[in-house]
Amino acid sequence: MREIKIRDEMIRLGQFLKLADLVESGGDLKPLLAEGLVKVNNEVETRRGRQLSRGDVVTLADRSVRVG
């Protein structure tokens, strides 16, 4: 599993997905969230602004990335 380092203690889900190159823009993310395709720590997440901290695992389709 790939780990993406963040500078601060927390990062918003939308920002993290762009940083991890899983989406190109926030607009791309909206339909994925609405369809329940994004998971944080194995739970479906529908909020683009969800705060993530180090150790959280974000999954989109079959790709998982850990917040580092």
PDB file of N, CA and C in Angstrom:
ATOM      1  N   MET A   1       0.840  -1.170   0.000  1.00  0.00           N
ATOM      2  CA  MET A   1       0.000   0.000   0.000  1.00  0.00           C
ATOM      3  C   MET A   1       0.890   1.241   0.000  1.00  0.00           C
ATOM      4  N   ARG A   2       0.517   2.170  -0.838  1.00  0.00           N
ATOM      5  CA  ARG A   2       1.259   3.416  -0.958  1.00  0.00           C
ATOM      6  C   ARG A   2       0.928   4.342   0.212  1.00  0.00           C
ATOM      7  N   GLU A   3       1.917   5.095   0.657  1.00  0.00           N
ATOM      8  CA  GLU A   3       1.708   6.072   1.729  1.00  0.00           C
ATOM      9  C   GLU A   3       2.061   7.457   1.201  1.00  0.00           C
ATOM     10  N   ILE A   4       1.169   8.415   1.446  1.00  0.00           N
ATOM     11  CA  ILE A   4       1.383   9.792   1.022  1.00  0.00           C
ATOM     12  C   ILE A   4       1.604  10.638   2.267  1.00  0.00           C
ATOM     13  N   LYS A   5       2.756  11.275   2.343  1.00  0.00           N
ATOM     14  CA  LYS A   5       3.096  12.130   3.489  1.00  0.00           C
ATOM     15  C   LYS A   5       2.354  13.455   3.391  1.00  0.00           C
ATOM     16  N   ILE A   6       1.870  13.939   4.544  1.00  0.00           N
ATOM     17  CA  ILE A   6       1.234  15.255   4.599  1.00  0.00           C
ATOM     18  C   ILE A   6       2.055  16.150   5.513  1.00  0.00           C
ATOM     19  N   ARG A   7       1.969  17.464   5.281  1.00  0.00           N
ATOM     20  CA  ARG A   7       2.749  18.422   6.067  1.00  0.00           C
ATOM     21  C   ARG A   7       2.128  18.706   7.423  1.00  0.00           C
ATOM     22  N   ASP A   8       0.816  18.861   7.445  1.00  0.00           N
ATOM     23  CA  ASP A   8       0.120  19.222   8.676  1.00  0.00           C
ATOM     24  C   ASP A   8      -0.391  17.970   9.384  1.00  0.00           C
ATOM     25  N   GLU A   9      -1.037  18.187  10.524  1.00  0.00           N
ATOM     26  CA  GLU A   9      -1.580  17.062  11.283  1.00  0.00           C
ATOM     27  C   GLU A   9      -2.791  16.443  10.591  1.00  0.00           C
ATOM     28  N   MET A  10      -3.552  17.280   9.853  1.00  0.00           N
ATOM     29  CA  MET A  10      -4.776  16.806   9.213  1.00  0.00           C
ATOM     30  C   MET A  10      -4.849  17.337   7.788  1.00  0.00           C
ATOM     31  N   ILE A  11      -5.670  16.665   6.973  1.00  0.00           N
ATOM     32  CA  ILE A  11      -5.903  17.085   5.593  1.00  0.00           C
ATOM     33  C   ILE A  11      -7.330  16.679   5.230  1.00  0.00           C
ATOM     34  N   ARG A  12      -7.967  17.476   4.401  1.00  0.00           N
ATOM     35  CA  ARG A  12      -9.330  17.145   3.959  1.00  0.00           C
ATOM     36  C   ARG A  12      -9.276  16.041   2.898  1.00  0.00           C
ATOM     37  N   LEU A  13     -10.320  15.240   2.872  1.00  0.00           N
ATOM     38  CA  LEU A  13     -10.384  14.101   1.960  1.00  0.00           C
ATOM     39  C   LEU A  13     -10.177  14.526   0.511  1.00  0.00           C
ATOM     40  N   GLY A  14     -10.857  15.569   0.061  1.00  0.00           N
ATOM     41  CA  GLY A  14     -10.721  16.023  -1.319  1.00  0.00           C
ATOM     42  C   GLY A  14      -9.295  16.411  -1.659  1.00  0.00           C
ATOM     43  N   GLN A  15      -8.644  17.119  -0.742  1.00  0.00           N
ATOM     44  CA  GLN A  15      -7.257  17.534  -0.961  1.00  0.00           C
ATOM     45  C   GLN A  15      -6.340  16.315  -1.021  1.00  0.00           C
ATOM     46  N   PHE A  16      -6.586  15.364  -0.134  1.00  0.00           N
ATOM     47  CA  PHE A  16      -5.737  14.179  -0.092  1.00  0.00           C
ATOM     48  C   PHE A  16      -5.862  13.351  -1.368  1.00  0.00           C
ATOM     49  N   LEU A  17      -7.083  13.192  -1.868  1.00  0.00           N
ATOM     50  CA  LEU A  17      -7.270  12.403  -3.089  1.00  0.00           C
ATOM     51  C   LEU A  17      -6.571  13.046  -4.284  1.00  0.00           C
ATOM     52  N   LYS A  18      -6.545  14.383  -4.314  1.00  0.00           N
ATOM     53  CA  LYS A  18      -5.808  15.069  -5.387  1.00  0.00           C
ATOM     54  C   LYS A  18      -4.308  14.884  -5.182  1.00  0.00           C
ATOM     55  N   LEU A  19      -3.838  15.020  -3.955  1.00  0.00           N
ATOM     56  CA  LEU A  19      -2.419  14.843  -3.643  1.00  0.00           C
ATOM     57  C   LEU A  19      -1.944  13.440  -4.016  1.00  0.00           C
ATOM     58  N   ALA A  20      -2.799  12.457  -3.795  1.00  0.00           N
ATOM     59  CA  ALA A  20      -2.454  11.059  -4.079  1.00  0.00           C
ATOM     60  C   ALA A  20      -2.681  10.694  -5.542  1.00  0.00           C
ATOM     61  N   ASP A  21      -3.091  11.659  -6.364  1.00  0.00           N
ATOM     62  CA  ASP A  21      -3.363  11.439  -7.790  1.00  0.00           C
ATOM     63  C   ASP A  21      -4.463  10.401  -8.039  1.00  0.00           C
ATOM     64  N   LEU A  22      -5.441  10.351  -7.141  1.00  0.00           N
ATOM     65  CA  LEU A  22      -6.578   9.458  -7.345  1.00  0.00           C
ATOM     66  C   LEU A  22      -7.718  10.168  -8.068  1.00  0.00           C
ATOM     67  N   VAL A  23      -7.758  11.501  -7.973  1.00  0.00           N
ATOM     68  CA  VAL A  23      -8.706  12.319  -8.747  1.00  0.00           C
ATOM     69  C   VAL A  23      -7.958  13.554  -9.235  1.00  0.00           C
ATOM     70  N   GLU A  24      -8.470  14.152 -10.302  1.00  0.00           N
ATOM     71  CA  GLU A  24      -7.832  15.353 -10.838  1.00  0.00           C
ATOM     72  C   GLU A  24      -8.367  16.621 -10.209  1.00  0.00           C
ATOM     73  N   SER A  25      -9.662  16.621  -9.846  1.00  0.00           N
ATOM     74  CA  SER A  25     -10.247  17.831  -9.273  1.00  0.00           C
ATOM     75  C   SER A  25     -11.371  17.459  -8.322  1.00  0.00           C
ATOM     76  N   GLY A  26     -11.811  18.449  -7.548  1.00  0.00           N
ATOM     77  CA  GLY A  26     -12.929  18.238  -6.645  1.00  0.00           C
ATOM     78  C   GLY A  26     -14.198  17.878  -7.396  1.00  0.00           C
ATOM     79  N   GLY A  27     -14.348  18.416  -8.606  1.00  0.00           N
ATOM     80  CA  GLY A  27     -15.508  18.092  -9.432  1.00  0.00           C
ATOM     81  C   GLY A  27     -15.556  16.621  -9.809  1.00  0.00           C
ATOM     82  N   ASP A  28     -14.396  16.031 -10.009  1.00  0.00           N
ATOM     83  CA  ASP A  28     -14.327  14.597 -10.313  1.00  0.00           C
ATOM     84  C   ASP A  28     -14.737  13.760  -9.099  1.00  0.00           C
ATOM     85  N   LEU A  29     -14.517  14.306  -7.924  1.00  0.00           N
ATOM     86  CA  LEU A  29     -14.763  13.570  -6.691  1.00  0.00           C
ATOM     87  C   LEU A  29     -16.243  13.481  -6.332  1.00  0.00           C
ATOM     88  N   LYS A  30     -17.013  14.526  -6.619  1.00  0.00           N
ATOM     89  CA  LYS A  30     -18.425  14.570  -6.215  1.00  0.00           C
ATOM     90  C   LYS A  30     -19.224  13.324  -6.616  1.00  0.00           C
ATOM     91  N   PRO A  31     -19.191  12.918  -7.895  1.00  0.00           N
ATOM     92  CA  PRO A  31     -19.973  11.731  -8.256  1.00  0.00           C
ATOM     93  C   PRO A  31     -19.452  10.452  -7.605  1.00  0.00           C
ATOM     94  N   LEU A  32     -18.164  10.358  -7.368  1.00  0.00           N
ATOM     95  CA  LEU A  32     -17.604   9.172  -6.717  1.00  0.00           C
ATOM     96  C   LEU A  32     -18.113   9.060  -5.284  1.00  0.00           C
ATOM     97  N   LEU A  33     -18.177  10.196  -4.588  1.00  0.00           N
ATOM     98  CA  LEU A  33     -18.705  10.217  -3.227  1.00  0.00           C
ATOM     99  C   LEU A  33     -20.194   9.870  -3.227  1.00  0.00           C
ATOM    100  N   ALA A  34     -20.927  10.453  -4.163  1.00  0.00           N
ATOM    101  CA  ALA A  34     -22.369  10.221  -4.234  1.00  0.00           C
ATOM    102  C   ALA A  34     -22.698   8.749  -4.496  1.00  0.00           C
ATOM    103  N   GLU A  35     -21.843   8.074  -5.241  1.00  0.00           N
ATOM    104  CA  GLU A  35     -22.063   6.660  -5.557  1.00  0.00           C
ATOM    105  C   GLU A  35     -21.524   5.724  -4.481  1.00  0.00           C
ATOM    106  N   GLY A  36     -20.898   6.271  -3.444  1.00  0.00           N
ATOM    107  CA  GLY A  36     -20.373   5.438  -2.359  1.00  0.00           C
ATOM    108  C   GLY A  36     -19.117   4.689  -2.720  1.00  0.00           C
ATOM    109  N   LEU A  37     -18.316   5.241  -3.644  1.00  0.00           N
ATOM    110  CA  LEU A  37     -17.110   4.551  -4.099  1.00  0.00           C
ATOM    111  C   LEU A  37     -15.856   4.896  -3.303  1.00  0.00           C
ATOM    112  N   VAL A  38     -15.977   5.838  -2.376  1.00  0.00           N
ATOM    113  CA  VAL A  38     -14.821   6.248  -1.575  1.00  0.00           C
ATOM    114  C   VAL A  38     -15.010   5.724  -0.153  1.00  0.00           C
ATOM    115  N   LYS A  39     -13.969   5.076   0.357  1.00  0.00           N
ATOM    116  CA  LYS A  39     -14.011   4.571   1.734  1.00  0.00           C
ATOM    117  C   LYS A  39     -12.848   5.156   2.528  1.00  0.00           C
ATOM    118  N   VAL A  40     -13.103   5.429   3.791  1.00  0.00           N
ATOM    119  CA  VAL A  40     -12.054   5.832   4.725  1.00  0.00           C
ATOM    120  C   VAL A  40     -12.076   4.803   5.848  1.00  0.00           C
ATOM    121  N   ASN A  41     -10.963   4.137   6.039  1.00  0.00           N
ATOM    122  CA  ASN A  41     -10.859   3.082   7.048  1.00  0.00           C
ATOM    123  C   ASN A  41     -11.980   2.049   6.884  1.00  0.00           C
ATOM    124  N   ASN A  42     -12.228   1.649   5.647  1.00  0.00           N
ATOM    125  CA  ASN A  42     -13.211   0.622   5.275  1.00  0.00           C
ATOM    126  C   ASN A  42     -14.661   1.025   5.488  1.00  0.00           C
ATOM    127  N   GLU A  43     -14.936   2.318   5.679  1.00  0.00           N
ATOM    128  CA  GLU A  43     -16.313   2.791   5.799  1.00  0.00           C
ATOM    129  C   GLU A  43     -16.594   3.781   4.680  1.00  0.00           C
ATOM    130  N   VAL A  44     -17.747   3.648   4.031  1.00  0.00           N
ATOM    131  CA  VAL A  44     -18.121   4.547   2.941  1.00  0.00           C
ATOM    132  C   VAL A  44     -18.169   5.973   3.463  1.00  0.00           C
ATOM    133  N   GLU A  45     -17.555   6.882   2.711  1.00  0.00           N
ATOM    134  CA  GLU A  45     -17.525   8.303   3.081  1.00  0.00           C
ATOM    135  C   GLU A  45     -18.174   9.119   1.975  1.00  0.00           C
ATOM    136  N   THR A  46     -19.046  10.049   2.353  1.00  0.00           N
ATOM    137  CA  THR A  46     -19.748  10.876   1.372  1.00  0.00           C
ATOM    138  C   THR A  46     -19.393  12.353   1.491  1.00  0.00           C
ATOM    139  N   ARG A  47     -18.532  12.702   2.455  1.00  0.00           N
ATOM    140  CA  ARG A  47     -18.180  14.114   2.675  1.00  0.00           C
ATOM    141  C   ARG A  47     -16.794  14.419   2.127  1.00  0.00           C
ATOM    142  N   ARG A  48     -16.735  15.344   1.184  1.00  0.00           N
ATOM    143  CA  ARG A  48     -15.456  15.749   0.590  1.00  0.00           C
ATOM    144  C   ARG A  48     -14.561  16.423   1.626  1.00  0.00           C
ATOM    145  N   GLY A  49     -15.162  17.079   2.604  1.00  0.00           N
ATOM    146  CA  GLY A  49     -14.401  17.810   3.612  1.00  0.00           C
ATOM    147  C   GLY A  49     -14.001  16.994   4.824  1.00  0.00           C
ATOM    148  N   ARG A  50     -14.226  15.702   4.799  1.00  0.00           N
ATOM    149  CA  ARG A  50     -13.850  14.837   5.930  1.00  0.00           C
ATOM    150  C   ARG A  50     -12.383  15.054   6.274  1.00  0.00           C
ATOM    151  N   GLN A  51     -12.096  15.252   7.552  1.00  0.00           N
ATOM    152  CA  GLN A  51     -10.725  15.449   8.008  1.00  0.00           C
ATOM    153  C   GLN A  51     -10.035  14.090   8.162  1.00  0.00           C
ATOM    154  N   LEU A  52      -8.863  13.972   7.565  1.00  0.00           N
ATOM    155  CA  LEU A  52      -8.057  12.760   7.678  1.00  0.00           C
ATOM    156  C   LEU A  52      -6.831  13.058   8.518  1.00  0.00           C
ATOM    157  N   SER A  53      -6.374  12.073   9.245  1.00  0.00           N
ATOM    158  CA  SER A  53      -5.134  12.227  10.005  1.00  0.00           C
ATOM    159  C   SER A  53      -4.204  11.068   9.654  1.00  0.00           C
ATOM    160  N   ARG A  54      -2.978  11.169  10.112  1.00  0.00           N
ATOM    161  CA  ARG A  54      -1.983  10.141   9.801  1.00  0.00           C
ATOM    162  C   ARG A  54      -2.479   8.767  10.241  1.00  0.00           C
ATOM    163  N   GLY A  55      -2.288   7.794   9.360  1.00  0.00           N
ATOM    164  CA  GLY A  55      -2.712   6.426   9.645  1.00  0.00           C
ATOM    165  C   GLY A  55      -4.031   6.056   8.993  1.00  0.00           C
ATOM    166  N   ASP A  56      -4.842   7.057   8.603  1.00  0.00           N
ATOM    167  CA  ASP A  56      -6.100   6.753   7.919  1.00  0.00           C
ATOM    168  C   ASP A  56      -5.805   6.127   6.558  1.00  0.00           C
ATOM    169  N   VAL A  57      -6.669   5.218   6.135  1.00  0.00           N
ATOM    170  CA  VAL A  57      -6.524   4.566   4.843  1.00  0.00           C
ATOM    171  C   VAL A  57      -7.727   4.946   3.983  1.00  0.00           C
ATOM    172  N   VAL A  58      -7.429   5.493   2.807  1.00  0.00           N
ATOM    173  CA  VAL A  58      -8.467   5.905   1.862  1.00  0.00           C
ATOM    174  C   VAL A  58      -8.460   4.936   0.692  1.00  0.00           C
ATOM    175  N   THR A  59      -9.646   4.441   0.342  1.00  0.00           N
ATOM    176  CA  THR A  59      -9.773   3.493  -0.761  1.00  0.00           C
ATOM    177  C   THR A  59     -10.733   4.055  -1.797  1.00  0.00           C
ATOM    178  N   LEU A  60     -10.288   4.034  -3.045  1.00  0.00           N
ATOM    179  CA  LEU A  60     -11.121   4.440  -4.178  1.00  0.00           C
ATOM    180  C   LEU A  60     -11.036   3.320  -5.199  1.00  0.00           C
ATOM    181  N   ALA A  61     -12.158   2.697  -5.469  1.00  0.00           N
ATOM    182  CA  ALA A  61     -12.208   1.514  -6.329  1.00  0.00           C
ATOM    183  C   ALA A  61     -11.297   0.453  -5.708  1.00  0.00           C
ATOM    184  N   ASP A  62     -10.250   0.034  -6.404  1.00  0.00           N
ATOM    185  CA  ASP A  62      -9.364  -1.010  -5.872  1.00  0.00           C
ATOM    186  C   ASP A  62      -8.014  -0.447  -5.425  1.00  0.00           C
ATOM    187  N   ARG A  63      -7.919   0.874  -5.303  1.00  0.00           N
ATOM    188  CA  ARG A  63      -6.650   1.499  -4.906  1.00  0.00           C
ATOM    189  C   ARG A  63      -6.752   2.068  -3.497  1.00  0.00           C
ATOM    190  N   SER A  64      -5.834   1.661  -2.629  1.00  0.00           N
ATOM    191  CA  SER A  64      -5.805   2.155  -1.256  1.00  0.00           C
ATOM    192  C   SER A  64      -4.524   2.929  -1.000  1.00  0.00           C
ATOM    193  N   VAL A  65      -4.670   4.027  -0.253  1.00  0.00           N
ATOM    194  CA  VAL A  65      -3.525   4.884   0.073  1.00  0.00           C
ATOM    195  C   VAL A  65      -3.631   5.264   1.544  1.00  0.00           C
ATOM    196  N   ARG A  66      -2.497   5.213   2.228  1.00  0.00           N
ATOM    197  CA  ARG A  66      -2.451   5.574   3.656  1.00  0.00           C
ATOM    198  C   ARG A  66      -1.945   7.004   3.812  1.00  0.00           C
ATOM    199  N   VAL A  67      -2.553   7.723   4.747  1.00  0.00           N
ATOM    200  CA  VAL A  67      -2.103   9.080   5.073  1.00  0.00           C
ATOM    201  C   VAL A  67      -0.872   8.941   5.973  1.00  0.00           C
ATOM    202  N   GLY A  68       0.220   9.559   5.541  1.00  0.00           N
ATOM    203  CA  GLY A  68       1.478   9.439   6.298  1.00  0.00           C
ATOM    204  C   GLY A  68       1.937  10.713   6.904  1.00  0.00           C
TER     205      GLY A  68
END
